[in-house]
Each structure stands twice: as structure tokens, then as C-alpha cells.
Protein backbone atom coordinates (compact mmCIF):
# COMPACT_ATOMS: atom_id res chain seq x y z
CA UNK A 1 94.77 171.17 42.93
CA UNK A 2 96.96 171.76 39.90
CA UNK A 3 96.05 169.71 36.86
CA UNK A 4 99.51 168.32 36.25
CA UNK A 5 100.07 167.42 39.86
CA UNK A 6 96.65 165.81 40.15
CA UNK A 7 97.34 163.52 37.23
CA UNK A 8 100.73 162.54 38.59
CA UNK A 9 99.01 161.47 41.79
CA UNK A 10 96.19 159.81 39.85
CA UNK A 11 98.65 157.75 37.85
CA UNK A 12 100.49 156.77 41.03
CA UNK A 13 97.29 155.46 42.54
CA UNK A 14 96.01 153.81 39.38
CA UNK A 15 99.36 152.14 38.81
CA UNK A 16 98.78 150.01 41.89
CA UNK A 17 95.22 149.09 40.93
CA UNK A 18 95.04 145.71 39.28
CA UNK A 19 91.60 145.80 37.70
CA UNK A 20 91.39 142.16 36.72
CA UNK A 21 90.94 142.54 33.01
CA UNK A 22 92.67 141.26 29.91
CA UNK A 23 93.92 144.01 27.64
CA UNK A 24 92.94 144.02 23.99
CA UNK A 25 93.79 145.99 20.89
CA UNK A 26 90.58 145.46 18.98
CA UNK A 27 89.21 147.96 16.51
CA UNK A 28 85.49 148.65 16.63
CA UNK A 29 84.90 146.17 13.80
CA UNK A 30 86.72 143.44 15.70
CA UNK A 31 84.76 144.21 18.82
CA UNK A 32 81.50 143.62 16.94
CA UNK A 33 82.82 140.26 15.75
CA UNK A 34 83.93 139.32 19.25
CA UNK A 35 80.50 140.04 20.72
CA UNK A 36 78.93 137.55 18.33
CA UNK A 37 81.55 134.87 19.00
CA UNK A 38 81.23 135.16 22.77
CA UNK A 39 77.81 133.57 22.81
CA UNK A 40 79.08 130.29 21.42
CA UNK A 41 79.66 127.36 23.76
CA UNK A 42 82.96 125.41 23.47
CA UNK A 43 82.50 121.81 22.40
CA UNK A 44 85.38 120.48 24.54
CA UNK A 45 84.29 122.11 27.78
CA UNK A 46 84.30 119.08 30.08
CA UNK A 47 87.21 117.21 28.50
CA UNK A 48 89.60 117.78 31.42
CA UNK A 49 87.06 117.92 34.25
CA UNK A 50 86.39 114.94 36.53
CA UNK A 51 83.14 114.65 38.49
CA UNK A 52 82.55 116.70 41.61
CA UNK A 53 82.19 114.48 44.69
CA UNK A 54 80.30 116.28 47.45
CA UNK A 55 80.65 115.45 51.14
CA UNK A 56 77.53 113.87 52.62
CA UNK A 57 77.81 115.51 56.05
CA UNK A 58 75.30 118.22 56.91
CA UNK A 59 75.41 120.03 60.27
CA UNK A 60 72.49 119.50 62.61
CA UNK A 61 72.50 123.03 64.01
CA UNK A 62 70.64 125.90 62.42
CA UNK A 63 72.41 127.64 59.55
CA UNK A 64 73.58 131.16 60.53
CA UNK A 65 71.29 133.92 59.29
CA UNK A 66 72.14 135.11 55.79
CA UNK A 67 74.42 132.13 55.10
CA UNK A 68 74.08 128.80 53.30
CA UNK A 69 75.78 125.46 53.91
CA UNK A 70 78.42 124.46 51.36
CA UNK A 71 79.13 120.72 51.74
CA UNK A 72 82.65 120.74 50.40
CA UNK A 73 84.23 117.76 48.71
CA UNK A 74 86.54 117.02 45.82
CA UNK A 75 86.30 118.83 42.49
CA UNK A 76 88.19 119.96 39.40
CA UNK A 77 89.31 123.56 39.82
CA UNK A 78 90.31 126.03 37.11
CA UNK A 79 89.49 126.25 33.44
CA UNK A 80 90.60 125.13 30.00
CA UNK A 81 93.04 127.38 28.19
CA UNK A 82 90.92 126.57 25.13
CA UNK A 83 88.07 128.57 26.68
CA UNK A 84 89.90 131.69 25.49
CA UNK A 85 88.60 130.92 22.01
CA UNK A 86 85.11 131.65 23.35
CA UNK A 87 85.80 135.37 23.18
CA UNK A 88 89.10 135.51 21.31
CA UNK A 89 90.60 137.51 24.18
CA UNK A 90 94.05 136.27 25.12
CA UNK A 91 95.13 135.94 28.73
CA UNK A 92 91.74 135.48 30.36
CA UNK A 93 92.35 131.87 31.37
CA UNK A 94 96.14 131.67 31.36
CA UNK A 95 96.56 132.02 35.13
CA UNK A 96 93.56 129.72 35.83
CA UNK A 97 95.10 126.68 34.15
CA UNK A 98 95.74 123.84 34.31
CA UNK A 99 92.67 122.18 35.77
CA UNK A 100 93.59 120.34 38.96
CA UNK A 101 91.87 118.34 41.70
CA UNK A 102 91.15 119.97 45.04
CA UNK A 103 89.35 118.93 48.22
CA UNK A 104 87.72 121.38 50.67
CA UNK A 105 85.94 120.75 53.97
CA UNK A 106 82.37 121.94 54.39
CA UNK A 107 81.63 125.52 55.53
CA UNK A 108 78.97 128.22 55.64
CA UNK A 109 79.04 131.06 53.12
CA UNK A 110 77.23 134.39 52.91
CA UNK A 111 74.39 134.05 50.42
CA UNK A 112 75.15 137.53 49.07
CA UNK A 113 78.02 139.93 48.96
CA UNK A 114 78.26 142.03 52.13
CA UNK A 115 75.82 144.92 51.73
CA UNK A 116 76.00 148.59 52.66
CA UNK A 117 73.65 148.10 55.60
CA UNK A 118 75.68 145.18 56.95
CA UNK A 119 78.94 147.09 56.62
CA UNK A 120 77.37 150.14 58.27
CA UNK A 121 76.50 148.04 61.34
CA UNK A 122 80.14 147.03 61.59
CA UNK A 123 81.34 150.63 61.30
CA UNK A 124 78.86 151.88 63.91
CA UNK A 125 79.83 149.10 66.32
CA UNK A 126 83.59 149.52 65.97
CA UNK A 127 84.30 153.02 64.64
CA UNK A 128 86.26 151.43 61.82
CA UNK A 129 87.69 153.75 59.14
CA UNK A 130 88.31 152.22 55.72
CA UNK A 131 91.54 152.77 53.83
CA UNK A 132 89.73 154.94 51.26
CA UNK A 133 88.70 157.26 54.12
CA UNK A 134 92.26 157.64 55.37
CA UNK A 135 94.54 160.34 54.01
CA UNK A 136 97.37 158.87 51.90
CA UNK A 137 100.82 159.39 53.38
CA UNK A 138 104.16 160.49 52.02
CA UNK A 139 105.50 157.05 52.87
CA UNK A 140 103.03 155.49 50.44
CA UNK A 141 103.44 158.14 47.72
CA UNK A 142 106.82 159.82 48.24
CA UNK A 143 106.76 161.77 44.96
CA UNK A 144 103.26 163.23 45.42
CA UNK A 145 102.77 166.85 46.47
CA UNK A 146 101.23 167.36 49.89
CA UNK A 147 98.08 169.00 48.47
CA UNK A 148 97.46 165.88 46.39
CA UNK A 149 97.40 163.57 49.40
CA UNK A 150 93.64 163.51 49.85
CA UNK A 151 91.20 160.79 50.79
CA UNK A 152 89.46 159.08 47.92
CA UNK A 153 89.22 156.02 45.74
CA UNK A 154 89.05 154.90 42.13
CA UNK A 155 85.79 155.27 40.18
CA UNK A 156 84.79 154.00 36.75
CA UNK A 157 84.30 156.92 34.38
CA UNK A 158 82.86 156.22 30.90
CA UNK A 159 84.67 157.75 27.94
CA UNK A 160 82.94 160.28 25.62
CA UNK A 161 83.51 158.06 22.58
CA UNK A 162 85.01 154.74 21.53
CA UNK A 163 88.61 154.16 22.62
CA UNK A 164 91.29 151.55 22.13
CA UNK A 165 90.92 149.08 24.98
CA UNK A 166 94.62 148.64 25.70
CA UNK A 167 94.83 151.41 28.32
CA UNK A 168 92.47 151.18 31.29
CA UNK A 169 93.56 154.59 32.61
CA UNK A 170 91.16 156.05 30.05
CA UNK A 171 88.08 154.98 32.03
CA UNK A 172 89.24 155.04 35.65
CA UNK A 173 89.79 158.16 37.75
CA UNK A 174 90.94 158.83 41.28
CA UNK A 175 87.97 160.61 42.87
CA UNK A 176 88.66 162.66 46.02
CA UNK A 177 86.03 161.86 48.61
CA UNK A 178 84.92 158.58 47.08
CA UNK A 179 84.47 155.82 49.67
CA UNK A 180 81.96 153.18 50.73
CA UNK A 181 79.47 155.84 51.88
CA UNK A 182 80.01 157.92 48.72
CA UNK A 183 80.57 155.39 45.92
CA UNK A 184 80.68 157.91 43.05
CA UNK A 185 82.29 160.77 45.00
CA UNK A 186 81.40 163.18 47.84
CA UNK A 187 78.06 164.21 46.31
CA UNK A 188 76.83 160.61 46.06
CA UNK A 189 75.21 158.57 48.81
CA UNK A 190 74.14 155.05 49.76
CA UNK A 191 70.80 156.22 51.17
CA UNK A 192 68.22 153.98 49.53
CA UNK A 193 70.97 151.55 48.53
CA UNK A 194 71.14 149.57 51.74
CA UNK A 195 70.86 146.25 49.87
CA UNK A 196 73.60 147.08 47.37
CA UNK A 197 77.02 145.45 47.83
CA UNK A 198 79.47 147.60 49.75
CA UNK A 199 82.33 148.82 47.52
CA UNK A 200 85.55 150.81 47.92
CA UNK A 201 86.82 148.24 50.41
CA UNK A 202 90.40 146.99 50.29
CA UNK A 203 91.58 143.60 51.51
CA UNK A 204 92.24 144.72 55.09
CA UNK A 205 88.78 146.35 55.28
CA UNK A 206 87.14 143.09 54.22
CA UNK A 207 89.28 141.11 56.65
CA UNK A 208 88.40 143.47 59.52
CA UNK A 209 84.68 143.10 58.84
CA UNK A 210 84.96 139.32 58.66
CA UNK A 211 86.77 139.13 61.99
CA UNK A 212 84.13 141.35 63.65
CA UNK A 213 81.35 139.17 62.24
CA UNK A 214 82.97 135.97 63.54
CA UNK A 215 83.72 134.87 60.00
CA UNK A 216 86.64 134.95 57.56
CA UNK A 217 87.30 135.47 53.88
CA UNK A 218 87.00 132.34 51.75
CA UNK A 219 90.00 130.69 50.23
CA UNK A 220 90.06 130.72 46.46
CA UNK A 221 89.31 126.99 46.41
CA UNK A 222 86.34 127.43 48.75
CA UNK A 223 85.04 130.25 46.61
CA UNK A 224 85.21 128.24 43.39
CA UNK A 225 83.75 125.07 44.92
CA UNK A 226 80.79 127.12 46.16
CA UNK A 227 80.41 129.00 42.88
CA UNK A 228 80.24 125.77 40.89
CA UNK A 229 77.28 124.63 42.98
CA UNK A 230 78.19 120.94 42.84
CA UNK A 231 78.28 120.91 39.04
CA UNK A 232 81.22 119.67 36.99
CA UNK A 233 83.10 121.81 34.51
CA UNK A 234 80.46 124.40 33.69
CA UNK A 235 81.62 127.57 32.00
CA UNK A 236 79.36 129.78 34.13
CA UNK A 237 77.93 129.42 37.62
CA UNK A 238 74.53 128.66 36.04
CA UNK A 239 75.59 126.38 33.16
CA UNK A 240 77.22 126.60 29.76
CA UNK A 241 75.01 129.15 28.01
CA UNK A 242 75.56 132.84 28.71
CA UNK A 243 71.84 133.55 28.27
CA UNK A 244 69.71 130.45 28.91
CA UNK A 245 66.27 130.97 27.37
CA UNK A 246 67.47 134.41 26.25
CA UNK A 247 67.87 135.79 29.80
CA UNK A 248 71.00 137.09 31.48
CA UNK A 249 71.82 135.42 34.79
CA UNK A 250 74.18 138.04 36.20
CA UNK A 251 74.81 141.77 36.25
CA UNK A 252 77.49 142.28 33.61
CA UNK A 253 78.05 144.88 30.88
CA UNK A 254 76.20 144.75 27.55
CA UNK A 255 76.83 147.20 24.75
CA UNK A 256 79.89 149.22 23.78
CA UNK A 257 82.47 149.38 26.56
CA UNK A 258 83.49 151.81 28.06
CA UNK A 259 81.68 154.73 26.41
CA UNK A 260 79.10 156.98 28.07
CA UNK A 261 75.64 155.40 27.88
CA UNK A 262 77.27 152.38 26.25
CA UNK A 263 75.80 149.87 28.69
CA UNK A 264 72.42 148.86 27.28
CA UNK A 265 71.28 147.35 30.58
CA UNK A 266 69.86 144.31 28.82
CA UNK A 267 70.40 142.34 32.03
CA UNK A 268 68.14 144.78 33.88
CA UNK A 269 70.78 147.13 35.27
CA UNK A 270 73.16 149.82 34.10
CA UNK A 271 75.87 149.86 36.74
CA UNK A 272 75.85 148.14 40.11
CA UNK A 273 72.68 146.33 41.21
CA UNK A 274 71.10 145.42 44.54
CA UNK A 275 71.75 141.88 45.71
CA UNK A 276 69.38 138.99 44.89
CA UNK A 277 68.24 140.25 41.50
CA UNK A 278 69.01 136.98 39.71
CA UNK A 279 68.37 133.34 40.50
CA UNK A 280 70.79 131.78 43.00
CA UNK A 281 73.15 128.95 42.06
CA UNK A 282 72.36 125.38 43.22
CA UNK A 283 73.84 126.10 46.68
CA UNK A 284 71.68 129.20 47.16
CA UNK A 285 74.38 131.78 46.47
CA UNK A 286 73.38 135.03 44.77
CA UNK A 287 75.55 137.19 42.49
CA UNK A 288 78.43 134.75 42.52
CA UNK A 289 79.15 136.12 39.04
CA UNK A 290 79.07 139.80 38.09
CA UNK A 291 77.92 142.82 40.12
CA UNK A 292 81.13 143.29 42.16
CA UNK A 293 84.44 141.49 42.39
CA UNK A 294 85.01 139.61 45.64
CA UNK A 295 88.20 139.55 47.69
CA UNK A 296 89.37 136.09 48.73
CA UNK A 297 92.06 134.98 51.17
CA UNK A 298 94.78 133.80 48.76
CA UNK A 299 97.84 135.67 47.62
CA UNK A 300 97.84 136.05 43.85
CA UNK A 301 100.47 134.04 42.00
CA UNK A 302 100.29 133.59 38.27
CA UNK A 303 101.72 130.05 38.36
CA UNK A 304 100.05 128.69 41.49
CA UNK A 305 97.69 126.35 39.67
CA UNK A 306 100.60 124.93 37.72
CA UNK A 307 102.46 124.06 40.91
CA UNK A 308 99.38 122.31 42.34
CA UNK A 309 98.78 120.32 39.17
CA UNK A 310 102.41 119.23 38.98
CA UNK A 311 102.17 117.62 42.42
CA UNK A 312 99.93 114.98 40.89
CA UNK A 313 97.88 114.84 44.09
CA UNK A 314 94.50 116.05 45.27
CA UNK A 315 95.31 119.22 47.22
CA UNK A 316 93.40 119.36 50.52
CA UNK A 317 92.10 122.72 51.74
CA UNK A 318 94.65 124.86 49.85
CA UNK A 319 95.35 128.23 51.42
CA UNK A 320 97.02 129.76 48.40
CA UNK A 321 100.72 130.29 47.66
CA UNK A 322 103.17 131.41 50.32
CA UNK A 323 103.95 134.61 48.43
CA UNK A 324 102.48 136.81 45.71
CA UNK A 325 103.89 136.72 42.19
CA UNK A 326 102.74 138.73 39.21
CA UNK A 327 105.49 139.13 36.58
CA UNK A 328 103.48 141.84 34.83
CA UNK A 329 103.56 143.98 37.98
CA UNK A 330 106.17 142.43 40.31
CA UNK A 331 106.43 145.24 42.88
CA UNK A 332 102.76 145.23 43.93
CA UNK A 333 101.33 143.05 46.70
CA UNK A 334 98.22 141.29 45.41
CA UNK A 335 95.42 139.02 46.56
CA UNK A 336 92.95 137.18 44.38
CA UNK A 337 89.61 138.62 43.25
CA UNK A 338 86.84 136.31 42.07
CA UNK A 339 83.55 136.54 40.19
CA UNK A 340 83.82 139.54 37.89
CA UNK A 341 81.74 142.71 38.13
CA UNK A 342 79.09 144.85 36.45
CA UNK A 343 81.87 146.10 34.17
CA UNK A 344 82.82 142.70 32.80
CA UNK A 345 82.03 142.50 29.12
CA UNK A 346 82.65 140.02 26.35
CA UNK A 347 84.54 142.82 24.58
CA UNK A 348 87.12 143.14 27.31
CA UNK A 349 86.81 141.07 30.50
CA UNK A 350 85.04 137.72 30.62
CA UNK A 351 86.05 136.77 34.13
CA UNK A 352 82.47 136.11 35.12
CA UNK A 353 83.36 132.63 33.81
CA UNK A 354 83.37 130.54 36.97
CA UNK A 355 86.89 129.08 36.67
CA UNK A 356 88.71 132.34 35.93
CA UNK A 357 90.60 134.60 38.31
CA UNK A 358 91.17 138.27 39.05
CA UNK A 359 93.73 140.07 41.18
CA UNK A 360 94.03 143.27 43.16
CA UNK A 361 96.67 145.28 45.00
CA UNK A 362 95.76 144.80 48.64
CA UNK A 363 95.34 148.50 49.54
CA UNK A 364 93.60 149.58 46.35
CA UNK A 365 89.84 150.18 46.35
CA UNK A 366 87.38 150.79 43.52
CA UNK A 367 83.65 151.04 42.98
CA UNK A 368 83.35 147.53 41.57
CA UNK A 369 85.10 145.54 44.32
CA UNK A 370 83.42 144.05 47.40
CA UNK A 371 83.46 140.72 49.26
CA UNK A 372 81.50 137.97 51.00
CA UNK A 373 82.47 135.84 54.01
CA UNK A 374 82.55 132.22 55.10
CA UNK A 375 82.40 130.49 58.47
CA UNK A 376 84.03 127.16 59.29
CA UNK A 377 81.90 124.41 60.82
């Protein structure tokens, strides 16, 4: 494959990836300052949040294996714009404001992200082929040369040295042969990683699995209600301190992003981790922050929360906007991501904060995006 042609195709693919980060222009000195500031807790955190009111109903039947009961109820959804001062990174909370009241019915939710072994059962039972395993077509990429139309997906690739963080193309590459079975490329494997979250799945892959399993993808409101664990207005799924008692509660990135060997692994892992490595939230959900992003049902619209808040009502069981809308990338079809990933860092992406949002082009896969399912009562 010719170098020039390969990069044209790479840029085409990466241009439709919406890795849910906020872009910064920090120098290395500013990054050091930001890291220190990010461990402070805002003093006005609960000013706009009203108490969560959980439903009392609990089903009599046995909870499905691998799931937990989420009671549902009424809660304050979103986050304060002021939370941006926590890390001095602009744009992180803009599309997750204003805070608004939402009600959701009770439901069951997977206690972990769908794992490699669970996804493999689905594939063996159905013969399903993920989008990353399908050869791209001329219809999708009309300007690409035929020899560049190869199966693959997008893989995080650390940089040799420090870089300006305003161009994510520097640390992502299109890797031929990368897919859920080969998360780093054709020479990699998931053997021995059965309990790791499945990655390189696009929205339709996640939806197909959910349908086969007799489940569905959660709405964004269901996801956030569950992630908050019945608590009101917390910054993180576990509370308001990033490191209670000096311990990390999620698999995120520590150190200098995105350079080679920059992740110190202070949280116990460098890169993706198996499920259930950290304490669950009050509802029994593991890895609801960090590790891998999670697809949810809703279309992504930058002003959706604003429209709900302006109604002045408690929105019941919202299903998301009727259409997608991202003015920064208006031609791409996007759904919401939630929870952040092992690449989220206080230098660049702090969307492991429970009220914040991510977004992804619906047919774009990467090695830090997975999903979990829900089941209605």
C-alpha cells in the first residue's frame, strides 16, 4: 500500500471518528498545572441539583444473570458548566448543560460492559460479522483507491514524544486487520482476555448483540441514572473526590498523554483492564467510568439538554432527540457515548465525570469503545 494513498484513506476514516474529547492547546508547563488543579473539588457542586427520588418497586422474580436491578425514579441529569474550572479544559461540560429533571422507569442493567467471551458466544450462535471485519466499500469512501479498501479499525498509538494536544490524528491510526478478535491489529489476540470488554464494535454491532441477548441499549437518561447510583449531584460515580483515600476508582490515564510509556498505571493498569477491577457503584455496576466508552441509544445533539430544560417539566423516559446535530461535524451521523475510557486524562478528556457526554459516528469503531445492555421489566 502506497504511503500517500494509505494516509489519504486513514484521514478519511479518522475524519468520521468522533473520539469524545475536548481539544486543548496547552504547553507542557500548562499541562503540569492542569494536573494539579484537576484534583480539586468544586465548592458549588450541588447548587443546581435536586434530590434523587428512587422508585420503591422491586420485581419479585429473580434478577437475570449478570444484571442488576436499577429502580428508576426522578433525578437531576447533566452537569454544571462551572465544573469546567475543575480541569480548566473548555468544552467538556458544554453539551451536558443545563441540569434538568428526568424520570425513568425501573430496568435491569448489565453489571459490566459486554466482555469478549460474551460477544464470542453471540458470534458463534449467529455468524455475525462486525463492521470492522467487513471490507469498506467505494460507496462509503468514493475517493479511496481500491487497494486501500481493507478491513480494519482505529487503534490508539502513543507518540514518541510530547505533542500539542489539538490534533488527535497524531495518536490514532487506522490499523488493517484490527477488530474485536484482534484489538491491536492482526498479530494481537483476545486469548486470555475473555473477561476484558469487547472493543471495535460500532453502534449497529452493539444493537445486534443486544437484540440477540433479549436486551437493548440503554437510553442516555437510563445510563446516567444508573451511573449515579441513587446519589445526587456527585461529580464522579463514586463521589466528589477523584481519589478517595488516595486510591483511583476507575481505569483512566495517569501521566503524560499521549506519549509512549506515558501512562504510569497508578490505577493498576496501563491500557484496557479486565472488568470488575474496581469497587462497584451503589447499584452494583462495575466500570461505569473509564475502561471503555459505552454506546447508548440516543442520537447525539449538542443542544438536546437545553431543549429539555426549557420545557420546564420533568421529562419522562426520554429517548433522545429525533435527529442528530453536531455543528462541529454536521455531516456525520452520531450517537451518544458515555463513561469515558482508559485514555481519559485530566490533561485532555475528563469525561469520566458522571454527568458528561461523549459522541461517536455510528459506523466508526476503535479500541476504547464498547457497550453494556439493559432489559425492561
